[in-house]
Every structure is written in structure tokens, then in C-alpha cells.
Amino acid sequence: MEVKAVTRYVRISPLKVRLVMDVVRGMPVGKALSTLTYMPQKAAREVARTIKSAAANAENNFDLDRKTLFIKRIYADQGPVLKRFMPRARGMANRIRKPTTHITVVVDDGEEY
């Protein structure tokens, strides 16, 4: 049975999040969380939070065993971009783009109903 968790409006670029996601795609939940614990990227903490949420959803809402769960699908979509301006020399301004990301994790226990 598939169970989903979504974290929205994370203030990291989707490209940076996808680099972390590629490492844990298809792993069992326990192994993925232990791998993310030792990754230095900021995105690793956000991905781990979303995986924990999906596992908790499976455990509490559908009575699935956490040990049998694995990451079936994991992806990052682009959220809205916050646009800011920075003053520059001679009265000019440069645009600063602050991207956001929506992280989606789908875990599965491997059984068909």
C-alpha cells in the first residue's frame, strides 16, 4: 500500500534537493534515514523530515510495519520563487531569486491488496 507525505515551500533550490534524493531513491526507510543523517547538505535534513512523516503516516493511519517500508517514489517540484532586489552602484538594482521546493515522498510496503 502506498502512503504519501508532502513538504511544501522549502527554501532550497529543487536542483539541490534532487541531488540528495537520487542517493536514497529505492532504499528501505531505515537505511535511507541513516544515510541522510551523515550527509552535510541542508536538503538532507528536509528530505529526512519528509521520509519520517511518510513512515509515520503509514504506521499510524494504515497500521503498516515501519521495517518493511521502502521509498517507492521521491521527487522535488519547483515552488514559487521569491523575488528580491539588492541595491547596486549608481542607483541600479540586481534581482535576487529565492527558489522554493515541494518535496514528495511515497513509501510502500511491497504488498498488493
N, C-alpha and C. Protein backbone atom coordinates (compact mmCIF):
# COMPACT_ATOMS: atom_id res chain seq x y z
N MET A 1 0.83 -1.17 0.00
CA MET A 1 0.00 0.00 0.00
C MET A 1 0.88 1.24 0.00
N GLU A 2 0.58 2.16 -0.88
CA GLU A 2 1.36 3.39 -0.99
C GLU A 2 0.85 4.43 0.00
N VAL A 3 1.80 5.10 0.66
CA VAL A 3 1.48 6.18 1.58
C VAL A 3 2.36 7.37 1.22
N LYS A 4 1.76 8.56 1.23
CA LYS A 4 2.45 9.75 0.73
C LYS A 4 2.61 10.80 1.82
N ALA A 5 3.68 11.58 1.71
CA ALA A 5 3.88 12.76 2.55
C ALA A 5 4.47 13.86 1.67
N VAL A 6 4.03 15.10 1.90
CA VAL A 6 4.48 16.24 1.11
C VAL A 6 4.94 17.35 2.05
N THR A 7 6.11 17.90 1.78
CA THR A 7 6.58 19.09 2.46
C THR A 7 6.63 20.20 1.43
N ARG A 8 5.95 21.30 1.70
CA ARG A 8 5.84 22.36 0.71
C ARG A 8 6.60 23.60 1.15
N TYR A 9 6.99 24.40 0.17
CA TYR A 9 7.63 25.70 0.37
C TYR A 9 8.94 25.62 1.14
N VAL A 10 9.75 24.62 0.85
CA VAL A 10 11.07 24.51 1.47
C VAL A 10 12.00 25.48 0.76
N ARG A 11 12.74 26.29 1.51
CA ARG A 11 13.55 27.34 0.92
C ARG A 11 14.91 26.83 0.44
N ILE A 12 14.89 25.85 -0.46
CA ILE A 12 16.09 25.32 -1.09
C ILE A 12 15.76 25.14 -2.56
N SER A 13 16.75 25.27 -3.40
CA SER A 13 16.55 25.07 -4.83
C SER A 13 16.19 23.61 -5.12
N PRO A 14 15.27 23.37 -6.05
CA PRO A 14 14.91 21.98 -6.39
C PRO A 14 16.09 21.16 -6.90
N LEU A 15 17.01 21.79 -7.59
CA LEU A 15 18.17 21.08 -8.11
C LEU A 15 19.02 20.51 -6.97
N LYS A 16 19.21 21.29 -5.92
CA LYS A 16 20.00 20.83 -4.78
C LYS A 16 19.30 19.70 -4.04
N VAL A 17 17.98 19.77 -3.96
CA VAL A 17 17.21 18.72 -3.28
C VAL A 17 17.26 17.43 -4.09
N ARG A 18 17.18 17.53 -5.41
CA ARG A 18 17.20 16.33 -6.26
C ARG A 18 18.52 15.57 -6.15
N LEU A 19 19.62 16.29 -5.94
CA LEU A 19 20.91 15.61 -5.78
C LEU A 19 20.90 14.70 -4.55
N VAL A 20 20.26 15.15 -3.48
CA VAL A 20 20.16 14.34 -2.27
C VAL A 20 19.18 13.18 -2.48
N MET A 21 18.08 13.46 -3.16
CA MET A 21 17.06 12.43 -3.38
C MET A 21 17.56 11.26 -4.20
N ASP A 22 18.44 11.53 -5.15
CA ASP A 22 18.97 10.47 -6.00
C ASP A 22 19.73 9.42 -5.20
N VAL A 23 20.29 9.83 -4.06
CA VAL A 23 21.05 8.90 -3.24
C VAL A 23 20.14 7.89 -2.55
N VAL A 24 18.95 8.33 -2.08
CA VAL A 24 18.10 7.46 -1.26
C VAL A 24 16.95 6.83 -2.02
N ARG A 25 16.78 7.12 -3.28
CA ARG A 25 15.65 6.58 -4.05
C ARG A 25 15.71 5.05 -4.08
N GLY A 26 14.61 4.39 -3.70
CA GLY A 26 14.51 2.94 -3.72
C GLY A 26 15.02 2.24 -2.47
N MET A 27 15.58 2.96 -1.53
CA MET A 27 16.13 2.35 -0.31
C MET A 27 15.02 2.03 0.70
N PRO A 28 15.27 1.10 1.61
CA PRO A 28 14.38 0.95 2.76
C PRO A 28 14.43 2.21 3.62
N VAL A 29 13.34 2.49 4.32
CA VAL A 29 13.22 3.74 5.07
C VAL A 29 14.31 3.87 6.13
N GLY A 30 14.59 2.82 6.87
CA GLY A 30 15.61 2.88 7.92
C GLY A 30 17.00 3.18 7.37
N LYS A 31 17.35 2.53 6.29
CA LYS A 31 18.67 2.75 5.68
C LYS A 31 18.76 4.15 5.09
N ALA A 32 17.66 4.64 4.49
CA ALA A 32 17.65 5.98 3.91
C ALA A 32 17.85 7.04 4.99
N LEU A 33 17.17 6.88 6.12
CA LEU A 33 17.30 7.86 7.20
C LEU A 33 18.70 7.86 7.80
N SER A 34 19.30 6.67 7.94
CA SER A 34 20.66 6.63 8.47
C SER A 34 21.66 7.22 7.47
N THR A 35 21.42 7.05 6.18
CA THR A 35 22.29 7.65 5.17
C THR A 35 22.18 9.17 5.20
N LEU A 36 20.95 9.69 5.29
CA LEU A 36 20.73 11.14 5.29
C LEU A 36 21.29 11.80 6.54
N THR A 37 21.39 11.06 7.64
CA THR A 37 21.91 11.63 8.88
C THR A 37 23.34 12.14 8.71
N TYR A 38 24.13 11.46 7.90
CA TYR A 38 25.54 11.80 7.77
C TYR A 38 25.86 12.61 6.51
N MET A 39 24.84 13.06 5.81
CA MET A 39 25.08 13.91 4.64
C MET A 39 25.17 15.37 5.09
N PRO A 40 26.13 16.13 4.57
CA PRO A 40 26.31 17.50 5.04
C PRO A 40 25.33 18.51 4.43
N GLN A 41 24.58 18.14 3.41
CA GLN A 41 23.72 19.10 2.73
C GLN A 41 22.53 19.49 3.59
N LYS A 42 22.11 20.75 3.44
CA LYS A 42 20.92 21.24 4.14
C LYS A 42 19.67 20.49 3.66
N ALA A 43 19.65 20.14 2.39
CA ALA A 43 18.50 19.44 1.82
C ALA A 43 18.31 18.06 2.45
N ALA A 44 19.37 17.45 2.96
CA ALA A 44 19.27 16.12 3.56
C ALA A 44 18.36 16.15 4.78
N ARG A 45 18.40 17.22 5.57
CA ARG A 45 17.53 17.32 6.74
C ARG A 45 16.06 17.41 6.33
N GLU A 46 15.78 18.19 5.28
CA GLU A 46 14.39 18.35 4.84
C GLU A 46 13.85 17.07 4.21
N VAL A 47 14.67 16.38 3.45
CA VAL A 47 14.25 15.11 2.85
C VAL A 47 14.01 14.07 3.96
N ALA A 48 14.88 14.05 4.97
CA ALA A 48 14.71 13.11 6.08
C ALA A 48 13.41 13.39 6.84
N ARG A 49 13.10 14.66 7.03
CA ARG A 49 11.85 15.02 7.70
C ARG A 49 10.63 14.50 6.93
N THR A 50 10.68 14.62 5.61
CA THR A 50 9.56 14.17 4.80
C THR A 50 9.44 12.65 4.80
N ILE A 51 10.58 11.95 4.78
CA ILE A 51 10.56 10.49 4.83
C ILE A 51 10.00 10.01 6.18
N LYS A 52 10.42 10.67 7.27
CA LYS A 52 9.89 10.32 8.59
C LYS A 52 8.38 10.54 8.65
N SER A 53 7.91 11.61 8.03
CA SER A 53 6.49 11.91 8.01
C SER A 53 5.71 10.84 7.24
N ALA A 54 6.24 10.42 6.09
CA ALA A 54 5.58 9.38 5.30
C ALA A 54 5.54 8.06 6.07
N ALA A 55 6.63 7.73 6.76
CA ALA A 55 6.67 6.50 7.55
C ALA A 55 5.68 6.57 8.72
N ALA A 56 5.58 7.74 9.35
CA ALA A 56 4.63 7.91 10.45
C ALA A 56 3.19 7.83 9.94
N ASN A 57 2.93 8.38 8.74
CA ASN A 57 1.60 8.27 8.15
C ASN A 57 1.24 6.80 7.91
N ALA A 58 2.19 6.04 7.41
CA ALA A 58 1.95 4.62 7.13
C ALA A 58 1.69 3.85 8.42
N GLU A 59 2.46 4.19 9.45
CA GLU A 59 2.35 3.48 10.72
C GLU A 59 1.03 3.80 11.42
N ASN A 60 0.70 5.08 11.52
CA ASN A 60 -0.46 5.49 12.31
C ASN A 60 -1.79 5.37 11.56
N ASN A 61 -1.79 5.69 10.27
CA ASN A 61 -3.05 5.72 9.52
C ASN A 61 -3.41 4.39 8.89
N PHE A 62 -2.38 3.58 8.55
CA PHE A 62 -2.66 2.34 7.83
C PHE A 62 -2.12 1.10 8.51
N ASP A 63 -1.59 1.22 9.72
CA ASP A 63 -1.08 0.10 10.52
C ASP A 63 -0.05 -0.74 9.77
N LEU A 64 0.84 -0.08 9.05
CA LEU A 64 1.92 -0.79 8.35
C LEU A 64 3.15 -0.84 9.24
N ASP A 65 3.98 -1.85 9.05
CA ASP A 65 5.21 -2.00 9.83
C ASP A 65 6.30 -1.14 9.22
N ARG A 66 6.94 -0.34 10.06
CA ARG A 66 7.96 0.60 9.58
C ARG A 66 9.17 -0.13 8.99
N LYS A 67 9.45 -1.33 9.46
CA LYS A 67 10.63 -2.08 8.99
C LYS A 67 10.48 -2.59 7.56
N THR A 68 9.24 -2.73 7.09
CA THR A 68 9.02 -3.26 5.75
C THR A 68 8.87 -2.17 4.69
N LEU A 69 8.88 -0.91 5.10
CA LEU A 69 8.66 0.19 4.17
C LEU A 69 9.92 0.51 3.37
N PHE A 70 9.72 0.85 2.11
CA PHE A 70 10.81 1.35 1.28
C PHE A 70 10.30 2.54 0.48
N ILE A 71 11.23 3.33 -0.03
CA ILE A 71 10.87 4.54 -0.77
C ILE A 71 10.56 4.15 -2.20
N LYS A 72 9.29 4.25 -2.57
CA LYS A 72 8.87 3.86 -3.91
C LYS A 72 9.09 5.01 -4.89
N ARG A 73 8.64 6.21 -4.53
CA ARG A 73 8.84 7.39 -5.37
C ARG A 73 9.26 8.55 -4.48
N ILE A 74 10.16 9.37 -4.98
CA ILE A 74 10.57 10.57 -4.27
C ILE A 74 10.93 11.60 -5.33
N TYR A 75 10.34 12.78 -5.23
CA TYR A 75 10.63 13.81 -6.23
C TYR A 75 10.45 15.21 -5.63
N ALA A 76 11.07 16.18 -6.29
CA ALA A 76 11.02 17.57 -5.86
C ALA A 76 10.50 18.42 -7.00
N ASP A 77 9.42 19.13 -6.74
CA ASP A 77 8.86 20.06 -7.72
C ASP A 77 9.22 21.48 -7.33
N GLN A 78 9.27 22.35 -8.32
CA GLN A 78 9.58 23.75 -8.05
C GLN A 78 8.37 24.46 -7.48
N GLY A 79 8.58 25.21 -6.41
CA GLY A 79 7.53 26.03 -5.82
C GLY A 79 7.66 27.46 -6.32
N PRO A 80 6.96 28.39 -5.70
CA PRO A 80 7.07 29.78 -6.12
C PRO A 80 8.46 30.34 -5.83
N VAL A 81 8.88 31.28 -6.65
CA VAL A 81 10.18 31.92 -6.48
C VAL A 81 9.97 33.30 -5.86
N LEU A 82 10.62 33.53 -4.73
CA LEU A 82 10.55 34.84 -4.10
C LEU A 82 11.54 35.76 -4.80
N LYS A 83 11.08 36.91 -5.25
CA LYS A 83 11.95 37.84 -5.97
C LYS A 83 12.28 39.02 -5.08
N ARG A 84 13.57 39.28 -4.92
CA ARG A 84 14.05 40.38 -4.08
C ARG A 84 15.01 41.22 -4.90
N PHE A 85 15.30 42.41 -4.43
CA PHE A 85 16.24 43.29 -5.12
C PHE A 85 17.35 43.70 -4.17
N MET A 86 18.56 43.81 -4.73
CA MET A 86 19.71 44.27 -3.96
C MET A 86 20.23 45.55 -4.58
N PRO A 87 20.37 46.62 -3.79
CA PRO A 87 20.88 47.86 -4.34
C PRO A 87 22.33 47.70 -4.83
N ARG A 88 22.61 48.30 -5.96
CA ARG A 88 23.95 48.26 -6.54
C ARG A 88 24.45 49.68 -6.78
N ALA A 89 25.61 49.78 -7.37
CA ALA A 89 26.23 51.09 -7.58
C ALA A 89 25.42 51.93 -8.56
N ARG A 90 25.53 53.24 -8.43
CA ARG A 90 24.91 54.23 -9.32
C ARG A 90 23.39 54.09 -9.40
N GLY A 91 22.76 53.70 -8.30
CA GLY A 91 21.30 53.65 -8.24
C GLY A 91 20.66 52.47 -8.95
N MET A 92 21.46 51.51 -9.37
CA MET A 92 20.90 50.34 -10.04
C MET A 92 20.47 49.30 -9.00
N ALA A 93 19.84 48.25 -9.50
CA ALA A 93 19.43 47.15 -8.62
C ALA A 93 19.59 45.84 -9.36
N ASN A 94 19.99 44.81 -8.62
CA ASN A 94 20.06 43.45 -9.16
C ASN A 94 18.95 42.63 -8.55
N ARG A 95 18.39 41.72 -9.36
CA ARG A 95 17.35 40.83 -8.87
C ARG A 95 17.98 39.64 -8.17
N ILE A 96 17.40 39.27 -7.03
CA ILE A 96 17.80 38.07 -6.32
C ILE A 96 16.61 37.14 -6.32
N ARG A 97 16.82 35.90 -6.80
CA ARG A 97 15.75 34.91 -6.86
C ARG A 97 15.95 33.92 -5.72
N LYS A 98 14.92 33.73 -4.91
CA LYS A 98 14.98 32.78 -3.80
C LYS A 98 13.99 31.65 -4.09
N PRO A 99 14.48 30.54 -4.65
CA PRO A 99 13.58 29.46 -5.06
C PRO A 99 13.05 28.66 -3.87
N THR A 100 11.87 28.08 -4.05
CA THR A 100 11.30 27.17 -3.06
C THR A 100 11.02 25.82 -3.74
N THR A 101 10.82 24.80 -2.92
CA THR A 101 10.67 23.44 -3.42
C THR A 101 9.53 22.75 -2.69
N HIS A 102 8.81 21.89 -3.40
CA HIS A 102 7.83 20.99 -2.80
C HIS A 102 8.40 19.58 -2.88
N ILE A 103 8.59 18.94 -1.72
CA ILE A 103 9.17 17.59 -1.65
C ILE A 103 8.05 16.58 -1.44
N THR A 104 8.01 15.54 -2.28
CA THR A 104 7.00 14.49 -2.17
C THR A 104 7.69 13.14 -2.02
N VAL A 105 7.25 12.37 -1.02
CA VAL A 105 7.80 11.03 -0.78
C VAL A 105 6.64 10.05 -0.74
N VAL A 106 6.75 8.96 -1.50
CA VAL A 106 5.76 7.88 -1.47
C VAL A 106 6.49 6.62 -0.99
N VAL A 107 6.01 6.07 0.12
CA VAL A 107 6.59 4.82 0.64
C VAL A 107 5.61 3.69 0.40
N ASP A 108 6.13 2.47 0.33
CA ASP A 108 5.31 1.30 0.05
C ASP A 108 5.84 0.14 0.86
N ASP A 109 4.94 -0.79 1.20
CA ASP A 109 5.37 -1.97 1.94
C ASP A 109 5.59 -3.17 1.04
N GLY A 110 5.33 -3.02 -0.25
CA GLY A 110 5.60 -4.09 -1.21
C GLY A 110 4.49 -5.10 -1.36
N GLU A 111 3.40 -4.95 -0.61
CA GLU A 111 2.30 -5.90 -0.71
C GLU A 111 1.17 -5.31 -1.54
N GLU A 112 0.50 -6.17 -2.31
CA GLU A 112 -0.64 -5.75 -3.11
C GLU A 112 -1.92 -6.12 -2.38
N TYR A 113 -2.89 -5.24 -2.43
CA TYR A 113 -4.18 -5.52 -1.78
C TYR A 113 -5.23 -5.74 -2.81
